[in-house]
Amino acid sequence: MTPPIRRIHLYQHGLGYFERRGPVTGPTLRLEFDQKAMDDVLKSLVVLSLNGGEIHGLEFETPPDRNRSVSKAVLELSDERSLTGLLGALRGQRVKVEAAGESFAAEVLGGVLVEEKQLERVR
């Protein structure tokens, strides 16, 4: 069971102080935080035992390294629509494209296959 929040102080610029207090039954206590807040949480987290108990350490999960995940990923592409398949496989990843002496970096959101005839109408 997570101890309840007993005190909250909100400061300017979006800072806040949140105090949880209560008995801990068992060897561990689990607190969950949004991944985006972990940097601030780790910089400011204070853990105290008010009744003489011992605190042996803190553990937290780290998000997977996206670059390592992509480098180990197997991209399966069909012969038909292979570019569309590649874009689908890379969705959500940051990529850098180099062509004709220029480079462009962005996060892949998806792709749309356009025939050259349709492209001529846009130009």
PDB file of N, CA and C in Angstrom:
ATOM      1  N   MET A   1       0.839  -1.188   0.000  1.00  0.00           N
ATOM      2  CA  MET A   1       0.000   0.000   0.000  1.00  0.00           C
ATOM      3  C   MET A   1       0.885   1.252   0.000  1.00  0.00           C
ATOM      4  N   THR A   2       0.533   2.206  -0.806  1.00  0.00           N
ATOM      5  CA  THR A   2       1.265   3.469  -0.867  1.00  0.00           C
ATOM      6  C   THR A   2       0.735   4.403   0.213  1.00  0.00           C
ATOM      7  N   PRO A   3       1.614   4.966   1.043  1.00  0.00           N
ATOM      8  CA  PRO A   3       1.141   5.907   2.066  1.00  0.00           C
ATOM      9  C   PRO A   3       0.432   7.095   1.427  1.00  0.00           C
ATOM     10  N   PRO A   4      -0.600   7.610   2.068  1.00  0.00           N
ATOM     11  CA  PRO A   4      -1.347   8.733   1.488  1.00  0.00           C
ATOM     12  C   PRO A   4      -0.554  10.038   1.535  1.00  0.00           C
ATOM     13  N   ILE A   5      -0.916  10.936   0.643  1.00  0.00           N
ATOM     14  CA  ILE A   5      -0.318  12.275   0.644  1.00  0.00           C
ATOM     15  C   ILE A   5      -0.876  13.024   1.841  1.00  0.00           C
ATOM     16  N   ARG A   6       0.005  13.552   2.676  1.00  0.00           N
ATOM     17  CA  ARG A   6      -0.398  14.276   3.888  1.00  0.00           C
ATOM     18  C   ARG A   6      -0.259  15.789   3.744  1.00  0.00           C
ATOM     19  N   ARG A   7       0.646  16.222   2.860  1.00  0.00           N
ATOM     20  CA  ARG A   7       0.878  17.659   2.742  1.00  0.00           C
ATOM     21  C   ARG A   7       1.293  17.979   1.315  1.00  0.00           C
ATOM     22  N   ILE A   8       0.774  19.090   0.792  1.00  0.00           N
ATOM     23  CA  ILE A   8       1.142  19.574  -0.539  1.00  0.00           C
ATOM     24  C   ILE A   8       1.416  21.069  -0.440  1.00  0.00           C
ATOM     25  N   HIS A   9       2.544  21.484  -0.977  1.00  0.00           N
ATOM     26  CA  HIS A   9       2.861  22.908  -1.119  1.00  0.00           C
ATOM     27  C   HIS A   9       3.115  23.143  -2.599  1.00  0.00           C
ATOM     28  N   LEU A  10       2.399  24.077  -3.193  1.00  0.00           N
ATOM     29  CA  LEU A  10       2.610  24.424  -4.597  1.00  0.00           C
ATOM     30  C   LEU A  10       3.313  25.772  -4.663  1.00  0.00           C
ATOM     31  N   TYR A  11       4.356  25.821  -5.444  1.00  0.00           N
ATOM     32  CA  TYR A  11       5.159  27.024  -5.582  1.00  0.00           C
ATOM     33  C   TYR A  11       4.987  27.599  -6.984  1.00  0.00           C
ATOM     34  N   GLN A  12       5.509  28.805  -7.176  1.00  0.00           N
ATOM     35  CA  GLN A  12       5.468  29.419  -8.497  1.00  0.00           C
ATOM     36  C   GLN A  12       6.294  28.595  -9.473  1.00  0.00           C
ATOM     37  N   HIS A  13       6.053  28.786 -10.732  1.00  0.00           N
ATOM     38  CA  HIS A  13       6.814  28.142 -11.808  1.00  0.00           C
ATOM     39  C   HIS A  13       6.604  26.632 -11.860  1.00  0.00           C
ATOM     40  N   GLY A  14       5.474  26.146 -11.333  1.00  0.00           N
ATOM     41  CA  GLY A  14       5.137  24.735 -11.474  1.00  0.00           C
ATOM     42  C   GLY A  14       5.823  23.783 -10.519  1.00  0.00           C
ATOM     43  N   LEU A  15       6.508  24.281  -9.519  1.00  0.00           N
ATOM     44  CA  LEU A  15       7.160  23.401  -8.552  1.00  0.00           C
ATOM     45  C   LEU A  15       6.177  23.007  -7.464  1.00  0.00           C
ATOM     46  N   GLY A  16       6.362  21.825  -6.912  1.00  0.00           N
ATOM     47  CA  GLY A  16       5.487  21.370  -5.847  1.00  0.00           C
ATOM     48  C   GLY A  16       6.218  20.491  -4.859  1.00  0.00           C
ATOM     49  N   TYR A  17       5.733  20.484  -3.622  1.00  0.00           N
ATOM     50  CA  TYR A  17       6.254  19.626  -2.560  1.00  0.00           C
ATOM     51  C   TYR A  17       5.113  18.708  -2.154  1.00  0.00           C
ATOM     52  N   PHE A  18       5.342  17.409  -2.238  1.00  0.00           N
ATOM     53  CA  PHE A  18       4.321  16.427  -1.905  1.00  0.00           C
ATOM     54  C   PHE A  18       4.884  15.515  -0.822  1.00  0.00           C
ATOM     55  N   GLU A  19       4.216  15.455   0.305  1.00  0.00           N
ATOM     56  CA  GLU A  19       4.685  14.627   1.417  1.00  0.00           C
ATOM     57  C   GLU A  19       3.726  13.468   1.629  1.00  0.00           C
ATOM     58  N   ARG A  20       4.275  12.272   1.624  1.00  0.00           N
ATOM     59  CA  ARG A  20       3.511  11.063   1.945  1.00  0.00           C
ATOM     60  C   ARG A  20       4.004  10.574   3.297  1.00  0.00           C
ATOM     61  N   ARG A  21       3.079  10.124   4.114  1.00  0.00           N
ATOM     62  CA  ARG A  21       3.470   9.641   5.430  1.00  0.00           C
ATOM     63  C   ARG A  21       2.538   8.517   5.836  1.00  0.00           C
ATOM     64  N   GLY A  22       3.127   7.455   6.369  1.00  0.00           N
ATOM     65  CA  GLY A  22       2.319   6.340   6.841  1.00  0.00           C
ATOM     66  C   GLY A  22       3.172   5.128   7.121  1.00  0.00           C
ATOM     67  N   PRO A  23       2.585   4.126   7.739  1.00  0.00           N
ATOM     68  CA  PRO A  23       3.346   2.912   8.053  1.00  0.00           C
ATOM     69  C   PRO A  23       3.642   2.107   6.791  1.00  0.00           C
ATOM     70  N   VAL A  24       4.775   1.441   6.805  1.00  0.00           N
ATOM     71  CA  VAL A  24       5.158   0.566   5.704  1.00  0.00           C
ATOM     72  C   VAL A  24       5.119  -0.860   6.232  1.00  0.00           C
ATOM     73  N   THR A  25       4.297  -1.679   5.619  1.00  0.00           N
ATOM     74  CA  THR A  25       4.240  -3.083   6.005  1.00  0.00           C
ATOM     75  C   THR A  25       4.938  -3.891   4.927  1.00  0.00           C
ATOM     76  N   GLY A  26       5.854  -4.711   5.325  1.00  0.00           N
ATOM     77  CA  GLY A  26       6.609  -5.492   4.355  1.00  0.00           C
ATOM     78  C   GLY A  26       7.950  -4.859   4.069  1.00  0.00           C
ATOM     79  N   PRO A  27       8.754  -5.538   3.260  1.00  0.00           N
ATOM     80  CA  PRO A  27      10.126  -5.075   3.020  1.00  0.00           C
ATOM     81  C   PRO A  27      10.256  -3.963   1.980  1.00  0.00           C
ATOM     82  N   THR A  28       9.217  -3.719   1.180  1.00  0.00           N
ATOM     83  CA  THR A  28       9.348  -2.712   0.121  1.00  0.00           C
ATOM     84  C   THR A  28       8.154  -1.771   0.094  1.00  0.00           C
ATOM     85  N   LEU A  29       8.383  -0.634  -0.481  1.00  0.00           N
ATOM     86  CA  LEU A  29       7.340   0.366  -0.720  1.00  0.00           C
ATOM     87  C   LEU A  29       7.466   0.782  -2.174  1.00  0.00           C
ATOM     88  N   ARG A  30       6.369   0.778  -2.897  1.00  0.00           N
ATOM     89  CA  ARG A  30       6.399   1.108  -4.328  1.00  0.00           C
ATOM     90  C   ARG A  30       5.702   2.449  -4.560  1.00  0.00           C
ATOM     91  N   LEU A  31       6.396   3.350  -5.234  1.00  0.00           N
ATOM     92  CA  LEU A  31       5.834   4.626  -5.670  1.00  0.00           C
ATOM     93  C   LEU A  31       5.945   4.676  -7.184  1.00  0.00           C
ATOM     94  N   GLU A  32       4.932   5.188  -7.847  1.00  0.00           N
ATOM     95  CA  GLU A  32       4.958   5.288  -9.306  1.00  0.00           C
ATOM     96  C   GLU A  32       4.919   6.751  -9.721  1.00  0.00           C
ATOM     97  N   PHE A  33       5.749   7.072 -10.704  1.00  0.00           N
ATOM     98  CA  PHE A  33       5.833   8.428 -11.235  1.00  0.00           C
ATOM     99  C   PHE A  33       5.800   8.364 -12.747  1.00  0.00           C
ATOM    100  N   ASP A  34       5.333   9.432 -13.360  1.00  0.00           N
ATOM    101  CA  ASP A  34       5.356   9.546 -14.808  1.00  0.00           C
ATOM    102  C   ASP A  34       6.813   9.593 -15.262  1.00  0.00           C
ATOM    103  N   GLN A  35       7.110   8.911 -16.349  1.00  0.00           N
ATOM    104  CA  GLN A  35       8.487   8.846 -16.849  1.00  0.00           C
ATOM    105  C   GLN A  35       9.069  10.237 -17.076  1.00  0.00           C
ATOM    106  N   LYS A  36       8.262  11.180 -17.543  1.00  0.00           N
ATOM    107  CA  LYS A  36       8.752  12.534 -17.820  1.00  0.00           C
ATOM    108  C   LYS A  36       9.164  13.262 -16.546  1.00  0.00           C
ATOM    109  N   ALA A  37       8.615  12.851 -15.390  1.00  0.00           N
ATOM    110  CA  ALA A  37       8.916  13.522 -14.128  1.00  0.00           C
ATOM    111  C   ALA A  37      10.099  12.904 -13.395  1.00  0.00           C
ATOM    112  N   MET A  38      10.616  11.777 -13.870  1.00  0.00           N
ATOM    113  CA  MET A  38      11.641  11.041 -13.127  1.00  0.00           C
ATOM    114  C   MET A  38      12.905  11.851 -12.868  1.00  0.00           C
ATOM    115  N   ASP A  39      13.330  12.673 -13.791  1.00  0.00           N
ATOM    116  CA  ASP A  39      14.535  13.471 -13.582  1.00  0.00           C
ATOM    117  C   ASP A  39      14.367  14.360 -12.356  1.00  0.00           C
ATOM    118  N   ASP A  40      13.241  15.063 -12.270  1.00  0.00           N
ATOM    119  CA  ASP A  40      12.976  15.932 -11.119  1.00  0.00           C
ATOM    120  C   ASP A  40      12.782  15.124  -9.844  1.00  0.00           C
ATOM    121  N   VAL A  41      12.098  13.987  -9.948  1.00  0.00           N
ATOM    122  CA  VAL A  41      11.869  13.145  -8.769  1.00  0.00           C
ATOM    123  C   VAL A  41      13.201  12.682  -8.188  1.00  0.00           C
ATOM    124  N   LEU A  42      14.092  12.189  -9.031  1.00  0.00           N
ATOM    125  CA  LEU A  42      15.372  11.679  -8.540  1.00  0.00           C
ATOM    126  C   LEU A  42      16.255  12.782  -7.956  1.00  0.00           C
ATOM    127  N   LYS A  43      16.088  14.008  -8.423  1.00  0.00           N
ATOM    128  CA  LYS A  43      16.871  15.118  -7.885  1.00  0.00           C
ATOM    129  C   LYS A  43      16.364  15.567  -6.521  1.00  0.00           C
ATOM    130  N   SER A  44      15.089  15.303  -6.214  1.00  0.00           N
ATOM    131  CA  SER A  44      14.509  15.887  -5.012  1.00  0.00           C
ATOM    132  C   SER A  44      13.893  14.890  -4.031  1.00  0.00           C
ATOM    133  N   LEU A  45      13.902  13.616  -4.340  1.00  0.00           N
ATOM    134  CA  LEU A  45      13.275  12.622  -3.475  1.00  0.00           C
ATOM    135  C   LEU A  45      14.028  12.491  -2.154  1.00  0.00           C
ATOM    136  N   VAL A  46      13.285  12.548  -1.054  1.00  0.00           N
ATOM    137  CA  VAL A  46      13.843  12.354   0.285  1.00  0.00           C
ATOM    138  C   VAL A  46      13.063  11.223   0.931  1.00  0.00           C
ATOM    139  N   VAL A  47      13.767  10.230   1.466  1.00  0.00           N
ATOM    140  CA  VAL A  47      13.130   9.093   2.125  1.00  0.00           C
ATOM    141  C   VAL A  47      13.629   9.049   3.560  1.00  0.00           C
ATOM    142  N   LEU A  48      12.702   9.067   4.508  1.00  0.00           N
ATOM    143  CA  LEU A  48      13.052   9.060   5.928  1.00  0.00           C
ATOM    144  C   LEU A  48      12.319   7.939   6.640  1.00  0.00           C
ATOM    145  N   SER A  49      12.956   7.378   7.652  1.00  0.00           N
ATOM    146  CA  SER A  49      12.288   6.455   8.564  1.00  0.00           C
ATOM    147  C   SER A  49      12.169   7.175   9.895  1.00  0.00           C
ATOM    148  N   LEU A  50      10.941   7.417  10.337  1.00  0.00           N
ATOM    149  CA  LEU A  50      10.725   8.189  11.560  1.00  0.00           C
ATOM    150  C   LEU A  50      10.674   7.310  12.805  1.00  0.00           C
ATOM    151  N   ASN A  51      10.718   5.978  12.632  1.00  0.00           N
ATOM    152  CA  ASN A  51      10.636   5.102  13.805  1.00  0.00           C
ATOM    153  C   ASN A  51      11.866   4.208  13.955  1.00  0.00           C
ATOM    154  N   GLY A  52      12.970   4.600  13.373  1.00  0.00           N
ATOM    155  CA  GLY A  52      14.206   3.839  13.540  1.00  0.00           C
ATOM    156  C   GLY A  52      14.407   2.704  12.556  1.00  0.00           C
ATOM    157  N   GLY A  53      13.531   2.560  11.584  1.00  0.00           N
ATOM    158  CA  GLY A  53      13.709   1.525  10.567  1.00  0.00           C
ATOM    159  C   GLY A  53      14.892   1.850   9.673  1.00  0.00           C
ATOM    160  N   GLU A  54      15.320   0.874   8.901  1.00  0.00           N
ATOM    161  CA  GLU A  54      16.468   1.069   8.019  1.00  0.00           C
ATOM    162  C   GLU A  54      16.023   1.131   6.564  1.00  0.00           C
ATOM    163  N   ILE A  55      16.648   2.020   5.829  1.00  0.00           N
ATOM    164  CA  ILE A  55      16.405   2.135   4.392  1.00  0.00           C
ATOM    165  C   ILE A  55      17.653   1.605   3.707  1.00  0.00           C
ATOM    166  N   HIS A  56      17.489   0.545   2.923  1.00  0.00           N
ATOM    167  CA  HIS A  56      18.649  -0.114   2.327  1.00  0.00           C
ATOM    168  C   HIS A  56      18.930   0.322   0.899  1.00  0.00           C
ATOM    169  N   GLY A  57      18.030   1.024   0.273  1.00  0.00           N
ATOM    170  CA  GLY A  57      18.297   1.470  -1.089  1.00  0.00           C
ATOM    171  C   GLY A  57      17.025   1.789  -1.840  1.00  0.00           C
ATOM    172  N   LEU A  58      17.208   2.351  -3.005  1.00  0.00           N
ATOM    173  CA  LEU A  58      16.110   2.690  -3.901  1.00  0.00           C
ATOM    174  C   LEU A  58      16.386   2.042  -5.246  1.00  0.00           C
ATOM    175  N   GLU A  59      15.347   1.565  -5.890  1.00  0.00           N
ATOM    176  CA  GLU A  59      15.468   0.995  -7.229  1.00  0.00           C
ATOM    177  C   GLU A  59      14.465   1.676  -8.139  1.00  0.00           C
ATOM    178  N   PHE A  60      14.830   1.840  -9.397  1.00  0.00           N
ATOM    179  CA  PHE A  60      13.885   2.375 -10.370  1.00  0.00           C
ATOM    180  C   PHE A  60      14.200   1.799 -11.734  1.00  0.00           C
ATOM    181  N   GLU A  61      13.157   1.693 -12.542  1.00  0.00           N
ATOM    182  CA  GLU A  61      13.304   1.176 -13.897  1.00  0.00           C
ATOM    183  C   GLU A  61      13.721   2.308 -14.819  1.00  0.00           C
ATOM    184  N   THR A  62      14.575   1.989 -15.764  1.00  0.00           N
ATOM    185  CA  THR A  62      14.964   2.983 -16.758  1.00  0.00           C
ATOM    186  C   THR A  62      14.301   2.627 -18.080  1.00  0.00           C
ATOM    187  N   PRO A  63      13.922   3.631 -18.858  1.00  0.00           N
ATOM    188  CA  PRO A  63      13.304   3.333 -20.155  1.00  0.00           C
ATOM    189  C   PRO A  63      14.322   2.698 -21.089  1.00  0.00           C
ATOM    190  N   PRO A  64      13.856   1.887 -22.020  1.00  0.00           N
ATOM    191  CA  PRO A  64      14.799   1.282 -22.966  1.00  0.00           C
ATOM    192  C   PRO A  64      15.470   2.351 -23.820  1.00  0.00           C
ATOM    193  N   ASP A  65      16.724   2.121 -24.161  1.00  0.00           N
ATOM    194  CA  ASP A  65      17.482   3.025 -25.024  1.00  0.00           C
ATOM    195  C   ASP A  65      16.955   2.871 -26.446  1.00  0.00           C
ATOM    196  N   ARG A  66      16.322   3.916 -26.963  1.00  0.00           N
ATOM    197  CA  ARG A  66      15.696   3.831 -28.289  1.00  0.00           C
ATOM    198  C   ARG A  66      16.715   3.541 -29.380  1.00  0.00           C
ATOM    199  N   ASN A  67      17.904   4.135 -29.281  1.00  0.00           N
ATOM    200  CA  ASN A  67      18.919   3.887 -30.312  1.00  0.00           C
ATOM    201  C   ASN A  67      19.344   2.424 -30.319  1.00  0.00           C
ATOM    202  N   ARG A  68      19.509   1.852 -29.137  1.00  0.00           N
ATOM    203  CA  ARG A  68      19.899   0.445 -29.053  1.00  0.00           C
ATOM    204  C   ARG A  68      18.772  -0.445 -29.559  1.00  0.00           C
ATOM    205  N   SER A  69      17.521  -0.092 -29.235  1.00  0.00           N
ATOM    206  CA  SER A  69      16.378  -0.880 -29.697  1.00  0.00           C
ATOM    207  C   SER A  69      16.299  -0.886 -31.218  1.00  0.00           C
ATOM    208  N   VAL A  70      16.508   0.276 -31.826  1.00  0.00           N
ATOM    209  CA  VAL A  70      16.430   0.371 -33.285  1.00  0.00           C
ATOM    210  C   VAL A  70      17.580  -0.393 -33.928  1.00  0.00           C
ATOM    211  N   SER A  71      18.775  -0.297 -33.344  1.00  0.00           N
ATOM    212  CA  SER A  71      19.916  -0.986 -33.954  1.00  0.00           C
ATOM    213  C   SER A  71      19.759  -2.499 -33.893  1.00  0.00           C
ATOM    214  N   LYS A  72      19.002  -3.015 -32.926  1.00  0.00           N
ATOM    215  CA  LYS A  72      18.785  -4.455 -32.807  1.00  0.00           C
ATOM    216  C   LYS A  72      17.502  -4.907 -33.493  1.00  0.00           C
ATOM    217  N   ALA A  73      16.693  -3.953 -33.928  1.00  0.00           N
ATOM    218  CA  ALA A  73      15.399  -4.298 -34.514  1.00  0.00           C
ATOM    219  C   ALA A  73      15.584  -4.948 -35.879  1.00  0.00           C
ATOM    220  N   VAL A  74      14.710  -5.879 -36.158  1.00  0.00           N
ATOM    221  CA  VAL A  74      14.690  -6.517 -37.468  1.00  0.00           C
ATOM    222  C   VAL A  74      13.560  -5.874 -38.254  1.00  0.00           C
ATOM    223  N   LEU A  75      13.884  -5.292 -39.373  1.00  0.00           N
ATOM    224  CA  LEU A  75      12.881  -4.658 -40.212  1.00  0.00           C
ATOM    225  C   LEU A  75      12.499  -5.631 -41.314  1.00  0.00           C
ATOM    226  N   GLU A  76      11.249  -6.069 -41.296  1.00  0.00           N
ATOM    227  CA  GLU A  76      10.774  -6.978 -42.330  1.00  0.00           C
ATOM    228  C   GLU A  76       9.990  -6.176 -43.354  1.00  0.00           C
ATOM    229  N   LEU A  77      10.463  -6.195 -44.584  1.00  0.00           N
ATOM    230  CA  LEU A  77       9.841  -5.417 -45.646  1.00  0.00           C
ATOM    231  C   LEU A  77       9.407  -6.346 -46.760  1.00  0.00           C
ATOM    232  N   SER A  78       8.215  -6.095 -47.288  1.00  0.00           N
ATOM    233  CA  SER A  78       7.762  -6.871 -48.438  1.00  0.00           C
ATOM    234  C   SER A  78       8.317  -6.225 -49.700  1.00  0.00           C
ATOM    235  N   ASP A  79       8.348  -6.979 -50.788  1.00  0.00           N
ATOM    236  CA  ASP A  79       8.831  -6.417 -52.047  1.00  0.00           C
ATOM    237  C   ASP A  79       7.915  -5.306 -52.529  1.00  0.00           C
ATOM    238  N   GLU A  80       6.611  -5.491 -52.318  1.00  0.00           N
ATOM    239  CA  GLU A  80       5.657  -4.456 -52.700  1.00  0.00           C
ATOM    240  C   GLU A  80       5.589  -3.439 -51.569  1.00  0.00           C
ATOM    241  N   ARG A  81       5.583  -2.202 -51.928  1.00  0.00           N
ATOM    242  CA  ARG A  81       5.453  -1.115 -50.963  1.00  0.00           C
ATOM    243  C   ARG A  81       6.538  -1.159 -49.882  1.00  0.00           C
ATOM    244  N   SER A  82       7.760  -1.459 -50.274  1.00  0.00           N
ATOM    245  CA  SER A  82       8.833  -1.581 -49.285  1.00  0.00           C
ATOM    246  C   SER A  82       9.134  -0.250 -48.591  1.00  0.00           C
ATOM    247  N   LEU A  83       9.022   0.870 -49.287  1.00  0.00           N
ATOM    248  CA  LEU A  83       9.245   2.165 -48.651  1.00  0.00           C
ATOM    249  C   LEU A  83       8.168   2.429 -47.606  1.00  0.00           C
ATOM    250  N   THR A  84       6.918   2.126 -47.942  1.00  0.00           N
ATOM    251  CA  THR A  84       5.829   2.296 -46.983  1.00  0.00           C
ATOM    252  C   THR A  84       6.059   1.392 -45.775  1.00  0.00           C
ATOM    253  N   GLY A  85       6.514   0.167 -46.013  1.00  0.00           N
ATOM    254  CA  GLY A  85       6.811  -0.757 -44.918  1.00  0.00           C
ATOM    255  C   GLY A  85       7.928  -0.248 -44.029  1.00  0.00           C
ATOM    256  N   LEU A  86       8.955   0.328 -44.648  1.00  0.00           N
ATOM    257  CA  LEU A  86      10.066   0.887 -43.886  1.00  0.00           C
ATOM    258  C   LEU A  86       9.583   2.025 -42.995  1.00  0.00           C
ATOM    259  N   LEU A  87       8.784   2.925 -43.555  1.00  0.00           N
ATOM    260  CA  LEU A  87       8.270   4.044 -42.763  1.00  0.00           C
ATOM    261  C   LEU A  87       7.401   3.547 -41.616  1.00  0.00           C
ATOM    262  N   GLY A  88       6.600   2.518 -41.873  1.00  0.00           N
ATOM    263  CA  GLY A  88       5.778   1.944 -40.805  1.00  0.00           C
ATOM    264  C   GLY A  88       6.629   1.322 -39.711  1.00  0.00           C
ATOM    265  N   ALA A  89       7.706   0.641 -40.094  1.00  0.00           N
ATOM    266  CA  ALA A  89       8.590   0.003 -39.115  1.00  0.00           C
ATOM    267  C   ALA A  89       9.345   1.036 -38.280  1.00  0.00           C
ATOM    268  N   LEU A  90       9.598   2.201 -38.859  1.00  0.00           N
ATOM    269  CA  LEU A  90      10.343   3.249 -38.158  1.00  0.00           C
ATOM    270  C   LEU A  90       9.445   4.252 -37.446  1.00  0.00           C
ATOM    271  N   ARG A  91       8.140   4.052 -37.478  1.00  0.00           N
ATOM    272  CA  ARG A  91       7.206   5.002 -36.851  1.00  0.00           C
ATOM    273  C   ARG A  91       7.592   5.239 -35.392  1.00  0.00           C
ATOM    274  N   GLY A  92       7.684   6.520 -35.013  1.00  0.00           N
ATOM    275  CA  GLY A  92       8.033   6.903 -33.649  1.00  0.00           C
ATOM    276  C   GLY A  92       9.529   7.028 -33.394  1.00  0.00           C
ATOM    277  N   GLN A  93      10.352   6.683 -34.380  1.00  0.00           N
ATOM    278  CA  GLN A  93      11.805   6.758 -34.218  1.00  0.00           C
ATOM    279  C   GLN A  93      12.344   8.030 -34.871  1.00  0.00           C
ATOM    280  N   ARG A  94      13.430   8.544 -34.341  1.00  0.00           N
ATOM    281  CA  ARG A  94      14.087   9.707 -34.938  1.00  0.00           C
ATOM    282  C   ARG A  94      15.070   9.187 -35.985  1.00  0.00           C
ATOM    283  N   VAL A  95      14.989   9.740 -37.187  1.00  0.00           N
ATOM    284  CA  VAL A  95      15.848   9.297 -38.281  1.00  0.00           C
ATOM    285  C   VAL A  95      16.527  10.505 -38.923  1.00  0.00           C
ATOM    286  N   LYS A  96      17.634  10.223 -39.613  1.00  0.00           N
ATOM    287  CA  LYS A  96      18.332  11.250 -40.378  1.00  0.00           C
ATOM    288  C   LYS A  96      18.449  10.729 -41.797  1.00  0.00           C
ATOM    289  N   VAL A  97      17.983  11.513 -42.750  1.00  0.00           N
ATOM    290  CA  VAL A  97      18.014  11.136 -44.158  1.00  0.00           C
ATOM    291  C   VAL A  97      19.018  12.040 -44.860  1.00  0.00           C
ATOM    292  N   GLU A  98      19.909  11.428 -45.635  1.00  0.00           N
ATOM    293  CA  GLU A  98      20.881  12.184 -46.413  1.00  0.00           C
ATOM    294  C   GLU A  98      20.704  11.826 -47.880  1.00  0.00           C
ATOM    295  N   ALA A  99      20.532  12.845 -48.717  1.00  0.00           N
ATOM    296  CA  ALA A  99      20.374  12.622 -50.159  1.00  0.00           C
ATOM    297  C   ALA A  99      20.765  13.892 -50.893  1.00  0.00           C
ATOM    298  N   ALA A 100      21.409  13.733 -52.013  1.00  0.00           N
ATOM    299  CA  ALA A 100      21.795  14.845 -52.886  1.00  0.00           C
ATOM    300  C   ALA A 100      22.550  15.930 -52.125  1.00  0.00           C
ATOM    301  N   GLY A 101      23.418  15.520 -51.202  1.00  0.00           N
ATOM    302  CA  GLY A 101      24.243  16.478 -50.480  1.00  0.00           C
ATOM    303  C   GLY A 101      23.532  17.220 -49.368  1.00  0.00           C
ATOM    304  N   GLU A 102      22.293  16.894 -49.090  1.00  0.00           N
ATOM    305  CA  GLU A 102      21.543  17.543 -48.020  1.00  0.00           C
ATOM    306  C   GLU A 102      21.142  16.501 -46.984  1.00  0.00           C
ATOM    307  N   SER A 103      20.872  16.962 -45.763  1.00  0.00           N
ATOM    308  CA  SER A 103      20.406  16.040 -44.733  1.00  0.00           C
ATOM    309  C   SER A 103      19.204  16.642 -44.013  1.00  0.00           C
ATOM    310  N   PHE A 104      18.394  15.757 -43.469  1.00  0.00           N
ATOM    311  CA  PHE A 104      17.170  16.157 -42.785  1.00  0.00           C
ATOM    312  C   PHE A 104      16.938  15.171 -41.651  1.00  0.00           C
ATOM    313  N   ALA A 105      16.672  15.659 -40.436  1.00  0.00           N
ATOM    314  CA  ALA A 105      16.412  14.786 -39.289  1.00  0.00           C
ATOM    315  C   ALA A 105      15.024  15.083 -38.737  1.00  0.00           C
ATOM    316  N   ALA A 106      14.290  14.026 -38.408  1.00  0.00           N
ATOM    317  CA  ALA A 106      12.941  14.194 -37.863  1.00  0.00           C
ATOM    318  C   ALA A 106      12.464  12.879 -37.269  1.00  0.00           C
ATOM    319  N   GLU A 107      11.351  12.940 -36.543  1.00  0.00           N
ATOM    320  CA  GLU A 107      10.703  11.739 -36.028  1.00  0.00           C
ATOM    321  C   GLU A 107       9.711  11.248 -37.070  1.00  0.00           C
ATOM    322  N   VAL A 108       9.725   9.954 -37.342  1.00  0.00           N
ATOM    323  CA  VAL A 108       8.835   9.381 -38.351  1.00  0.00           C
ATOM    324  C   VAL A 108       7.438   9.249 -37.758  1.00  0.00           C
ATOM    325  N   LEU A 109       6.475   9.887 -38.401  1.00  0.00           N
ATOM    326  CA  LEU A 109       5.074   9.783 -37.993  1.00  0.00           C
ATOM    327  C   LEU A 109       4.330   8.772 -38.840  1.00  0.00           C
ATOM    328  N   GLY A 110       4.764   8.583 -40.058  1.00  0.00           N
ATOM    329  CA  GLY A 110       4.118   7.658 -40.985  1.00  0.00           C
ATOM    330  C   GLY A 110       4.487   8.060 -42.392  1.00  0.00           C
ATOM    331  N   GLY A 111       3.809   7.488 -43.349  1.00  0.00           N
ATOM    332  CA  GLY A 111       4.104   7.818 -44.731  1.00  0.00           C
ATOM    333  C   GLY A 111       2.902   7.577 -45.616  1.00  0.00           C
ATOM    334  N   VAL A 112       2.856   8.280 -46.715  1.00  0.00           N
ATOM    335  CA  VAL A 112       1.783   8.126 -47.691  1.00  0.00           C
ATOM    336  C   VAL A 112       2.442   7.868 -49.037  1.00  0.00           C
ATOM    337  N   LEU A 113       2.002   6.829 -49.707  1.00  0.00           N
ATOM    338  CA  LEU A 113       2.542   6.502 -51.020  1.00  0.00           C
ATOM    339  C   LEU A 113       1.815   7.340 -52.065  1.00  0.00           C
ATOM    340  N   VAL A 114       2.576   8.140 -52.819  1.00  0.00           N
ATOM    341  CA  VAL A 114       2.005   9.010 -53.842  1.00  0.00           C
ATOM    342  C   VAL A 114       2.616   8.618 -55.183  1.00  0.00           C
ATOM    343  N   GLU A 115       1.761   8.375 -56.168  1.00  0.00           N
ATOM    344  CA  GLU A 115       2.264   8.044 -57.499  1.00  0.00           C
ATOM    345  C   GLU A 115       2.795   9.304 -58.162  1.00  0.00           C
ATOM    346  N   GLU A 116       3.724   9.132 -59.078  1.00  0.00           N
ATOM    347  CA  GLU A 116       4.357  10.275 -59.712  1.00  0.00           C
ATOM    348  C   GLU A 116       3.342  11.158 -60.432  1.00  0.00           C
ATOM    349  N   LYS A 117       2.283  10.569 -60.988  1.00  0.00           N
ATOM    350  CA  LYS A 117       1.251  11.369 -61.663  1.00  0.00           C
ATOM    351  C   LYS A 117       0.583  12.321 -60.679  1.00  0.00           C
ATOM    352  N   GLN A 118       0.319  11.842 -59.466  1.00  0.00           N
ATOM    353  CA  GLN A 118      -0.294  12.694 -58.450  1.00  0.00           C
ATOM    354  C   GLN A 118       0.669  13.792 -58.022  1.00  0.00           C
ATOM    355  N   LEU A 119       1.947  13.472 -57.948  1.00  0.00           N
ATOM    356  CA  LEU A 119       2.952  14.435 -57.546  1.00  0.00           C
ATOM    357  C   LEU A 119       3.077  15.552 -58.574  1.00  0.00           C
ATOM    358  N   GLU A 120       2.948  15.230 -59.859  1.00  0.00           N
ATOM    359  CA  GLU A 120       3.014  16.235 -60.919  1.00  0.00           C
ATOM    360  C   GLU A 120       1.911  17.275 -60.742  1.00  0.00           C
ATOM    361  N   ARG A 121       0.725  16.846 -60.301  1.00  0.00           N
ATOM    362  CA  ARG A 121      -0.388  17.790 -60.105  1.00  0.00           C
ATOM    363  C   ARG A 121      -0.094  18.775 -58.986  1.00  0.00           C
ATOM    364  N   VAL A 122       0.673  18.363 -57.994  1.00  0.00           N
ATOM    365  CA  VAL A 122       0.990  19.223 -56.859  1.00  0.00           C
ATOM    366  C   VAL A 122       2.028  20.262 -57.236  1.00  0.00           C
ATOM    367  N   ARG A 123       2.949  19.899 -58.111  1.00  0.00           N
ATOM    368  CA  ARG A 123       4.033  20.814 -58.495  1.00  0.00           C
ATOM    369  C   ARG A 123       3.485  21.905 -59.279  1.00  0.00           C
TER     370      ARG A 123
END
